[in-house]
Amino acid sequence: MATTPMISPLTAGAESAPDGGALPPNMAVPQQPGTDMTGICFMDQLWLNTYPLDRNLVFDYFALSPFYDYSCNNEQLRGRGIHPLDVSQLSKMNGTEYALSDVLEPHLFVFRKQKRDGPEKVTPMLTYYILDGSIYQAPQLCNVFASRVGRALYHISKAFHTASSKLEKIGYVADSESEVASTDSRATKEAIGIIELKRIDNILASLQRKLPPAPPPPPFPEGYTPPTGETDGSLDNLQAEDEATIDPIVDQGPAKRIKL
């Protein structure tokens, strides 16, 4: 962002208001800068090409930026022709002021906006810095912590998400491998069972080929007829009749005969 140098409204009206009083009705004070302007960068290349950026002129360059508050005590000193960074004069005033805290000419200048309530009572408000001609507002410490914590939480959540996705993939692979292993084991067992059956059949067939054939059953004697149901009953009847006609004395043997 490049702009041309502009004249402060308080400086333009210094003749009518040398002590910082009311301005003429046709002259309005610019709006005060906001508290959060960290997304803005200001640079006036024309001013940098015309004037050197040193300790004496750096405040005039800073006053061109939108970060400058024209209601500060430094602007009143500029209207009186006093250097705006004169600490001996600023310590006698109350209100908002800018102080040059750190300097590393010609690259770095740090301004601190503060509120003065007495010669020794100062409350810091905001910090601005000029780095190689570019003016920035430094972020507040709470915003820095919030940004760092948010970034850390983002990376932690991303790491957990990546780890969980990888663990899910590992679990799925393990389950699939176990299922494949179980199916393979079942197929192997079935294959082994079939192989054993074939092996036993081969052994039995080889034994059957080596052993002689079984001999035929012996023939029945001549006149023998296999028993049937009717013949069995007739034979039993004949045996009972024979037992009834047997002489008990003759057939009991010589040991049981009566001796005379």
C-alpha atoms as a PDB file:
ATOM      1  CA  MET A   1       0.000   0.000   0.000  1.00  0.00           C
ATOM      2  CA  ALA A   2       1.569   3.289  -1.127  1.00  0.00           C
ATOM      3  CA  THR A   3       0.199   6.718  -0.319  1.00  0.00           C
ATOM      4  CA  THR A   4       1.454  10.278  -0.427  1.00  0.00           C
ATOM      5  CA  PRO A   5       2.258  12.148   2.769  1.00  0.00           C
ATOM      6  CA  MET A   6      -0.751  13.850   4.320  1.00  0.00           C
ATOM      7  CA  ILE A   7      -0.945  16.782   6.698  1.00  0.00           C
ATOM      8  CA  SER A   8      -2.413  16.151  10.105  1.00  0.00           C
ATOM      9  CA  PRO A   9      -5.716  17.934  10.683  1.00  0.00           C
ATOM     10  CA  LEU A  10      -4.526  19.054  14.082  1.00  0.00           C
ATOM     11  CA  THR A  11      -1.370  20.479  12.504  1.00  0.00           C
ATOM     12  CA  ALA A  12      -3.380  22.285   9.876  1.00  0.00           C
ATOM     13  CA  GLY A  13      -5.525  23.876  12.578  1.00  0.00           C
ATOM     14  CA  ALA A  14      -2.666  24.699  14.909  1.00  0.00           C
ATOM     15  CA  GLU A  15      -3.157  28.442  14.446  1.00  0.00           C
ATOM     16  CA  SER A  16      -6.686  28.331  15.842  1.00  0.00           C
ATOM     17  CA  ALA A  17      -6.082  25.555  18.379  1.00  0.00           C
ATOM     18  CA  PRO A  18      -2.466  25.590  19.537  1.00  0.00           C
ATOM     19  CA  ASP A  19      -3.305  23.987  22.856  1.00  0.00           C
ATOM     20  CA  GLY A  20      -5.268  21.132  21.372  1.00  0.00           C
ATOM     21  CA  GLY A  21      -8.642  22.879  21.698  1.00  0.00           C
ATOM     22  CA  ALA A  22     -11.691  22.642  19.419  1.00  0.00           C
ATOM     23  CA  LEU A  23     -11.097  22.575  15.671  1.00  0.00           C
ATOM     24  CA  PRO A  24     -12.904  24.766  13.141  1.00  0.00           C
ATOM     25  CA  PRO A  25     -16.338  23.427  12.163  1.00  0.00           C
ATOM     26  CA  ASN A  26     -15.223  22.658   8.569  1.00  0.00           C
ATOM     27  CA  MET A  27     -12.429  20.323   9.767  1.00  0.00           C
ATOM     28  CA  ALA A  28     -13.177  16.854  11.182  1.00  0.00           C
ATOM     29  CA  VAL A  29     -10.820  14.581  13.097  1.00  0.00           C
ATOM     30  CA  PRO A  30     -10.184  11.226  11.351  1.00  0.00           C
ATOM     31  CA  GLN A  31     -11.698   8.151  12.893  1.00  0.00           C
ATOM     32  CA  GLN A  32      -9.648   6.498  15.599  1.00  0.00           C
ATOM     33  CA  PRO A  33      -7.880   3.275  14.580  1.00  0.00           C
ATOM     34  CA  GLY A  34      -9.342  -0.030  15.661  1.00  0.00           C
ATOM     35  CA  THR A  35      -7.807  -2.270  18.275  1.00  0.00           C
ATOM     36  CA  ASP A  36      -7.362  -5.245  15.935  1.00  0.00           C
ATOM     37  CA  MET A  37      -5.617  -4.218  12.722  1.00  0.00           C
ATOM     38  CA  THR A  38      -3.161  -7.105  12.512  1.00  0.00           C
ATOM     39  CA  GLY A  39      -4.250  -7.889   8.965  1.00  0.00           C
ATOM     40  CA  ILE A  40      -3.122  -4.490   7.608  1.00  0.00           C
ATOM     41  CA  CYS A  41       0.314  -3.545   6.305  1.00  0.00           C
ATOM     42  CA  PHE A  42       1.219   0.077   5.436  1.00  0.00           C
ATOM     43  CA  MET A  43       4.091   1.348   3.316  1.00  0.00           C
ATOM     44  CA  ASP A  44       4.664   4.743   1.630  1.00  0.00           C
ATOM     45  CA  GLN A  45       7.396   4.225  -0.909  1.00  0.00           C
ATOM     46  CA  LEU A  46       7.339   7.869  -1.983  1.00  0.00           C
ATOM     47  CA  TRP A  47       8.094   9.041   1.548  1.00  0.00           C
ATOM     48  CA  LEU A  48      10.847   6.427   1.923  1.00  0.00           C
ATOM     49  CA  ASN A  49      12.460   7.609  -1.311  1.00  0.00           C
ATOM     50  CA  THR A  50      12.335  11.236  -0.139  1.00  0.00           C
ATOM     51  CA  TYR A  51      13.330  11.078   3.557  1.00  0.00           C
ATOM     52  CA  PRO A  52      15.682   8.837   5.523  1.00  0.00           C
ATOM     53  CA  LEU A  53      14.091   6.453   8.006  1.00  0.00           C
ATOM     54  CA  ASP A  54      15.866   7.277  11.252  1.00  0.00           C
ATOM     55  CA  ARG A  55      15.089   8.027  14.874  1.00  0.00           C
ATOM     56  CA  ASN A  56      14.197  11.689  14.233  1.00  0.00           C
ATOM     57  CA  LEU A  57      11.809  11.215  11.288  1.00  0.00           C
ATOM     58  CA  VAL A  58      10.336   7.797  11.979  1.00  0.00           C
ATOM     59  CA  PHE A  59       7.405   9.247  13.929  1.00  0.00           C
ATOM     60  CA  ASP A  60       6.405  11.442  10.986  1.00  0.00           C
ATOM     61  CA  TYR A  61       6.372   8.322   8.821  1.00  0.00           C
ATOM     62  CA  PHE A  62       4.341   6.411  11.398  1.00  0.00           C
ATOM     63  CA  ALA A  63       1.814   9.258  11.551  1.00  0.00           C
ATOM     64  CA  LEU A  64       0.939   8.614   7.876  1.00  0.00           C
ATOM     65  CA  SER A  65      -0.330   5.099   8.611  1.00  0.00           C
ATOM     66  CA  PRO A  66      -3.916   4.172   9.575  1.00  0.00           C
ATOM     67  CA  PHE A  67      -2.564   2.968  12.940  1.00  0.00           C
ATOM     68  CA  TYR A  68      -1.984   6.543  14.098  1.00  0.00           C
ATOM     69  CA  ASP A  69      -4.436   8.148  16.538  1.00  0.00           C
ATOM     70  CA  TYR A  70      -4.659  11.920  15.975  1.00  0.00           C
ATOM     71  CA  SER A  71      -6.081  12.461  19.453  1.00  0.00           C
ATOM     72  CA  CYS A  72      -2.833  11.406  21.127  1.00  0.00           C
ATOM     73  CA  ASN A  73      -0.529  13.656  23.116  1.00  0.00           C
ATOM     74  CA  ASN A  74       2.197  13.356  20.479  1.00  0.00           C
ATOM     75  CA  GLU A  75       0.007  15.155  17.978  1.00  0.00           C
ATOM     76  CA  GLN A  76      -0.460  18.032  20.384  1.00  0.00           C
ATOM     77  CA  LEU A  77       3.330  18.336  20.712  1.00  0.00           C
ATOM     78  CA  ARG A  78       3.657  18.354  16.938  1.00  0.00           C
ATOM     79  CA  GLY A  79       1.181  21.231  16.794  1.00  0.00           C
ATOM     80  CA  ARG A  80       3.299  23.212  19.248  1.00  0.00           C
ATOM     81  CA  GLY A  81       6.457  22.608  17.248  1.00  0.00           C
ATOM     82  CA  ILE A  82       7.917  20.206  19.825  1.00  0.00           C
ATOM     83  CA  HIS A  83       9.346  16.845  18.905  1.00  0.00           C
ATOM     84  CA  PRO A  84       6.489  14.337  19.352  1.00  0.00           C
ATOM     85  CA  LEU A  85       8.721  11.824  21.161  1.00  0.00           C
ATOM     86  CA  ASP A  86      10.021  14.248  23.802  1.00  0.00           C
ATOM     87  CA  VAL A  87       9.654  12.228  27.012  1.00  0.00           C
ATOM     88  CA  SER A  88      10.073  15.281  29.258  1.00  0.00           C
ATOM     89  CA  GLN A  89       7.000  16.850  27.685  1.00  0.00           C
ATOM     90  CA  LEU A  90       4.928  13.660  27.444  1.00  0.00           C
ATOM     91  CA  SER A  91       5.430  12.877  31.128  1.00  0.00           C
ATOM     92  CA  LYS A  92       3.634  16.133  31.997  1.00  0.00           C
ATOM     93  CA  MET A  93       0.496  15.165  30.054  1.00  0.00           C
ATOM     94  CA  ASN A  94      -2.284  12.653  30.609  1.00  0.00           C
ATOM     95  CA  GLY A  95      -3.950  10.568  27.912  1.00  0.00           C
ATOM     96  CA  THR A  96      -2.948   8.378  24.996  1.00  0.00           C
ATOM     97  CA  GLU A  97       0.570   8.600  23.655  1.00  0.00           C
ATOM     98  CA  TYR A  98       3.106   6.737  21.496  1.00  0.00           C
ATOM     99  CA  ALA A  99       6.576   5.883  22.755  1.00  0.00           C
ATOM    100  CA  LEU A 100       9.538   4.522  20.823  1.00  0.00           C
ATOM    101  CA  SER A 101      10.593   1.453  22.783  1.00  0.00           C
ATOM    102  CA  ASP A 102      13.149  -0.354  20.580  1.00  0.00           C
ATOM    103  CA  VAL A 103      15.238   0.858  17.671  1.00  0.00           C
ATOM    104  CA  LEU A 104      17.516  -0.927  15.229  1.00  0.00           C
ATOM    105  CA  GLU A 105      18.214   1.667  12.560  1.00  0.00           C
ATOM    106  CA  PRO A 106      17.305   1.648   9.748  1.00  0.00           C
ATOM    107  CA  HIS A 107      15.444  -1.663   9.677  1.00  0.00           C
ATOM    108  CA  LEU A 108      13.403  -1.981  12.864  1.00  0.00           C
ATOM    109  CA  PHE A 109      11.451   0.536  14.960  1.00  0.00           C
ATOM    110  CA  VAL A 110       8.988  -0.496  17.680  1.00  0.00           C
ATOM    111  CA  PHE A 111       6.252   1.878  18.887  1.00  0.00           C
ATOM    112  CA  ARG A 112       4.166   1.260  21.993  1.00  0.00           C
ATOM    113  CA  LYS A 113       0.758   2.852  22.357  1.00  0.00           C
ATOM    114  CA  GLN A 114       0.065   3.531  26.017  1.00  0.00           C
ATOM    115  CA  LYS A 115      -2.202   5.452  28.336  1.00  0.00           C
ATOM    116  CA  ARG A 116      -0.556   7.864  30.761  1.00  0.00           C
ATOM    117  CA  ASP A 117      -2.286   8.660  34.053  1.00  0.00           C
ATOM    118  CA  GLY A 118       0.683  10.353  35.687  1.00  0.00           C
ATOM    119  CA  PRO A 119       4.418  10.980  35.373  1.00  0.00           C
ATOM    120  CA  GLU A 120       5.214   7.409  36.424  1.00  0.00           C
ATOM    121  CA  LYS A 121       1.916   5.624  35.775  1.00  0.00           C
ATOM    122  CA  VAL A 122       1.688   4.183  32.254  1.00  0.00           C
ATOM    123  CA  THR A 123      -0.570   1.377  30.976  1.00  0.00           C
ATOM    124  CA  PRO A 124       0.496  -0.360  27.723  1.00  0.00           C
ATOM    125  CA  MET A 125      -2.266  -0.750  25.138  1.00  0.00           C
ATOM    126  CA  LEU A 126      -0.929  -1.852  21.729  1.00  0.00           C
ATOM    127  CA  THR A 127       2.398  -2.362  19.968  1.00  0.00           C
ATOM    128  CA  TYR A 128       3.390  -1.477  16.395  1.00  0.00           C
ATOM    129  CA  TYR A 129       6.624  -2.094  14.553  1.00  0.00           C
ATOM    130  CA  ILE A 130       8.224  -0.823  11.351  1.00  0.00           C
ATOM    131  CA  LEU A 131      10.219  -3.469   9.542  1.00  0.00           C
ATOM    132  CA  ASP A 132      12.155  -2.257   6.481  1.00  0.00           C
ATOM    133  CA  GLY A 133       9.606   0.472   5.814  1.00  0.00           C
ATOM    134  CA  SER A 134       6.477  -1.680   6.345  1.00  0.00           C
ATOM    135  CA  ILE A 135       4.310  -0.865   9.354  1.00  0.00           C
ATOM    136  CA  TYR A 136       2.466  -3.659  11.196  1.00  0.00           C
ATOM    137  CA  GLN A 137       0.451  -4.049  14.350  1.00  0.00           C
ATOM    138  CA  ALA A 138       1.872  -6.693  16.666  1.00  0.00           C
ATOM    139  CA  PRO A 139      -0.699  -9.261  17.814  1.00  0.00           C
ATOM    140  CA  GLN A 140      -1.659  -9.381  21.451  1.00  0.00           C
ATOM    141  CA  LEU A 141      -0.273 -12.127  23.646  1.00  0.00           C
ATOM    142  CA  CYS A 142      -3.676 -13.765  24.167  1.00  0.00           C
ATOM    143  CA  ASN A 143      -4.196 -13.935  20.395  1.00  0.00           C
ATOM    144  CA  VAL A 144      -0.748 -15.490  19.954  1.00  0.00           C
ATOM    145  CA  PHE A 145      -1.533 -18.133  22.583  1.00  0.00           C
ATOM    146  CA  ALA A 146      -4.956 -18.815  21.049  1.00  0.00           C
ATOM    147  CA  SER A 147      -3.422 -19.197  17.591  1.00  0.00           C
ATOM    148  CA  ARG A 148      -0.668 -21.509  18.805  1.00  0.00           C
ATOM    149  CA  VAL A 149      -3.072 -23.631  20.858  1.00  0.00           C
ATOM    150  CA  GLY A 150      -5.504 -23.853  17.937  1.00  0.00           C
ATOM    151  CA  ARG A 151      -2.714 -24.917  15.608  1.00  0.00           C
ATOM    152  CA  ALA A 152      -1.468 -27.518  18.095  1.00  0.00           C
ATOM    153  CA  LEU A 153      -4.990 -28.904  18.556  1.00  0.00           C
ATOM    154  CA  TYR A 154      -5.424 -29.091  14.790  1.00  0.00           C
ATOM    155  CA  HIS A 155      -2.228 -31.104  14.352  1.00  0.00           C
ATOM    156  CA  ILE A 156      -3.082 -33.358  17.327  1.00  0.00           C
ATOM    157  CA  SER A 157      -6.579 -34.088  16.007  1.00  0.00           C
ATOM    158  CA  LYS A 158      -5.139 -34.731  12.544  1.00  0.00           C
ATOM    159  CA  ALA A 159      -2.589 -37.143  14.019  1.00  0.00           C
ATOM    160  CA  PHE A 160      -5.318 -39.005  15.947  1.00  0.00           C
ATOM    161  CA  HIS A 161      -7.461 -39.196  12.815  1.00  0.00           C
ATOM    162  CA  THR A 162      -4.567 -40.589  10.783  1.00  0.00           C
ATOM    163  CA  ALA A 163      -3.688 -43.101  13.503  1.00  0.00           C
ATOM    164  CA  SER A 164      -7.307 -44.263  13.848  1.00  0.00           C
ATOM    165  CA  SER A 165      -7.659 -44.722  10.092  1.00  0.00           C
ATOM    166  CA  LYS A 166      -4.441 -46.760   9.983  1.00  0.00           C
ATOM    167  CA  LEU A 167      -5.566 -48.881  12.955  1.00  0.00           C
ATOM    168  CA  GLU A 168      -8.893 -49.573  11.246  1.00  0.00           C
ATOM    169  CA  LYS A 169      -7.033 -50.696   8.123  1.00  0.00           C
ATOM    170  CA  ILE A 170      -4.733 -52.921  10.210  1.00  0.00           C
ATOM    171  CA  GLY A 171      -7.723 -54.483  11.990  1.00  0.00           C
ATOM    172  CA  TYR A 172      -9.497 -55.092   8.694  1.00  0.00           C
ATOM    173  CA  VAL A 173      -6.399 -56.725   7.233  1.00  0.00           C
ATOM    174  CA  ALA A 174      -5.991 -58.890  10.339  1.00  0.00           C
ATOM    175  CA  ASP A 175      -9.645 -59.982  10.201  1.00  0.00           C
ATOM    176  CA  SER A 176      -9.393 -60.726   6.496  1.00  0.00           C
ATOM    177  CA  GLU A 177      -6.157 -62.643   7.040  1.00  0.00           C
ATOM    178  CA  SER A 178      -7.748 -64.682   9.843  1.00  0.00           C
ATOM    179  CA  GLU A 179     -10.761 -65.433   7.665  1.00  0.00           C
ATOM    180  CA  VAL A 180      -8.494 -66.448   4.790  1.00  0.00           C
ATOM    181  CA  ALA A 181      -6.432 -68.602   7.155  1.00  0.00           C
ATOM    182  CA  SER A 182      -9.553 -70.321   8.520  1.00  0.00           C
ATOM    183  CA  THR A 183     -10.889 -71.019   5.041  1.00  0.00           C
ATOM    184  CA  ASP A 184      -7.473 -72.274   3.990  1.00  0.00           C
ATOM    185  CA  SER A 185      -7.304 -74.557   7.039  1.00  0.00           C
ATOM    186  CA  ARG A 186     -10.768 -75.944   6.337  1.00  0.00           C
ATOM    187  CA  ALA A 187      -9.878 -76.546   2.699  1.00  0.00           C
ATOM    188  CA  THR A 188      -6.596 -78.161   3.766  1.00  0.00           C
ATOM    189  CA  LYS A 189      -8.377 -80.455   6.233  1.00  0.00           C
ATOM    190  CA  GLU A 190     -10.899 -81.477   3.591  1.00  0.00           C
ATOM    191  CA  ALA A 191      -8.107 -82.105   1.113  1.00  0.00           C
ATOM    192  CA  ILE A 192      -6.206 -84.162   3.701  1.00  0.00           C
ATOM    193  CA  GLY A 193      -9.338 -86.234   4.453  1.00  0.00           C
ATOM    194  CA  ILE A 194      -9.897 -87.022   0.785  1.00  0.00           C
ATOM    195  CA  ILE A 195      -6.228 -87.903   0.331  1.00  0.00           C
ATOM    196  CA  GLU A 196      -6.312 -90.279   3.340  1.00  0.00           C
ATOM    197  CA  LEU A 197      -9.431 -91.999   2.041  1.00  0.00           C
ATOM    198  CA  LYS A 198      -7.840 -92.520  -1.350  1.00  0.00           C
ATOM    199  CA  ARG A 199      -4.680 -93.807   0.337  1.00  0.00           C
ATOM    200  CA  ILE A 200      -6.631 -96.341   2.440  1.00  0.00           C
ATOM    201  CA  ASP A 201      -8.552 -97.494  -0.635  1.00  0.00           C
ATOM    202  CA  ASN A 202      -5.285 -98.011  -2.488  1.00  0.00           C
ATOM    203  CA  ILE A 203      -3.832-100.048   0.413  1.00  0.00           C
ATOM    204  CA  LEU A 204      -6.937-102.266   0.616  1.00  0.00           C
ATOM    205  CA  ALA A 205      -6.938-102.782  -3.141  1.00  0.00           C
ATOM    206  CA  SER A 206      -3.250-103.743  -3.113  1.00  0.00           C
ATOM    207  CA  LEU A 207      -3.827-106.209  -0.253  1.00  0.00           C
ATOM    208  CA  GLN A 208      -6.791-107.721  -2.067  1.00  0.00           C
ATOM    209  CA  ARG A 209      -4.648-108.248  -5.133  1.00  0.00           C
ATOM    210  CA  LYS A 210      -1.830-109.861  -3.122  1.00  0.00           C
ATOM    211  CA  LEU A 211      -3.969-112.300  -1.057  1.00  0.00           C
ATOM    212  CA  PRO A 212      -5.460-115.463  -2.703  1.00  0.00           C
ATOM    213  CA  PRO A 213      -9.164-115.526  -3.318  1.00  0.00           C
ATOM    214  CA  ALA A 214     -11.420-116.923  -0.587  1.00  0.00           C
ATOM    215  CA  PRO A 215     -12.138-120.704  -0.926  1.00  0.00           C
ATOM    216  CA  PRO A 216     -15.651-121.750  -1.864  1.00  0.00           C
ATOM    217  CA  PRO A 217     -17.900-123.163   0.899  1.00  0.00           C
ATOM    218  CA  PRO A 218     -17.785-127.038   1.359  1.00  0.00           C
ATOM    219  CA  PRO A 219     -20.505-129.050  -0.374  1.00  0.00           C
ATOM    220  CA  PHE A 220     -23.442-130.480   1.541  1.00  0.00           C
ATOM    221  CA  PRO A 221     -23.380-134.267   2.224  1.00  0.00           C
ATOM    222  CA  GLU A 222     -25.388-136.584   0.030  1.00  0.00           C
ATOM    223  CA  GLY A 223     -29.027-136.762   0.866  1.00  0.00           C
ATOM    224  CA  TYR A 224     -28.885-133.617   2.996  1.00  0.00           C
ATOM    225  CA  THR A 225     -31.517-131.104   2.430  1.00  0.00           C
ATOM    226  CA  PRO A 226     -31.337-127.693   4.007  1.00  0.00           C
ATOM    227  CA  PRO A 227     -33.913-127.273   6.733  1.00  0.00           C
ATOM    228  CA  THR A 228     -36.968-125.195   6.141  1.00  0.00           C
ATOM    229  CA  GLY A 229     -39.712-124.024   8.439  1.00  0.00           C
ATOM    230  CA  GLU A 230     -42.103-126.970   7.822  1.00  0.00           C
ATOM    231  CA  THR A 231     -39.409-129.623   8.055  1.00  0.00           C
ATOM    232  CA  ASP A 232     -38.190-128.186  11.341  1.00  0.00           C
ATOM    233  CA  GLY A 233     -41.627-128.696  12.882  1.00  0.00           C
ATOM    234  CA  SER A 234     -41.974-132.281  11.618  1.00  0.00           C
ATOM    235  CA  LEU A 235     -38.503-133.187  12.883  1.00  0.00           C
ATOM    236  CA  ASP A 236     -39.366-131.931  16.336  1.00  0.00           C
ATOM    237  CA  ASN A 237     -42.542-134.056  16.360  1.00  0.00           C
ATOM    238  CA  LEU A 238     -40.672-137.144  15.240  1.00  0.00           C
ATOM    239  CA  GLN A 239     -38.044-136.640  17.929  1.00  0.00           C
ATOM    240  CA  ALA A 240     -40.764-136.368  20.598  1.00  0.00           C
ATOM    241  CA  GLU A 241     -42.448-139.555  19.391  1.00  0.00           C
ATOM    242  CA  ASP A 242     -39.128-141.431  19.416  1.00  0.00           C
ATOM    243  CA  GLU A 243     -38.463-140.346  22.967  1.00  0.00           C
ATOM    244  CA  ALA A 244     -41.931-141.579  24.024  1.00  0.00           C
ATOM    245  CA  THR A 245     -41.412-145.116  22.504  1.00  0.00           C
ATOM    246  CA  ILE A 246     -37.982-145.669  24.019  1.00  0.00           C
ATOM    247  CA  ASP A 247     -37.885-148.341  26.782  1.00  0.00           C
ATOM    248  CA  PRO A 248     -36.616-146.632  29.872  1.00  0.00           C
ATOM    249  CA  ILE A 249     -35.090-149.792  31.366  1.00  0.00           C
ATOM    250  CA  VAL A 250     -33.340-151.018  28.252  1.00  0.00           C
ATOM    251  CA  ASP A 251     -32.115-147.699  27.095  1.00  0.00           C
ATOM    252  CA  GLN A 252     -30.810-146.423  30.426  1.00  0.00           C
ATOM    253  CA  GLY A 253     -27.729-148.539  30.199  1.00  0.00           C
ATOM    254  CA  PRO A 254     -26.367-151.572  32.046  1.00  0.00           C
ATOM    255  CA  ALA A 255     -25.597-149.616  35.207  1.00  0.00           C
ATOM    256  CA  LYS A 256     -29.273-149.106  35.931  1.00  0.00           C
ATOM    257  CA  ARG A 257     -30.562-152.666  35.251  1.00  0.00           C
ATOM    258  CA  ILE A 258     -31.997-154.735  38.142  1.00  0.00           C
ATOM    259  CA  LYS A 259     -29.630-157.419  39.348  1.00  0.00           C
ATOM    260  CA  LEU A 260     -31.070-160.801  40.318  1.00  0.00           C
END
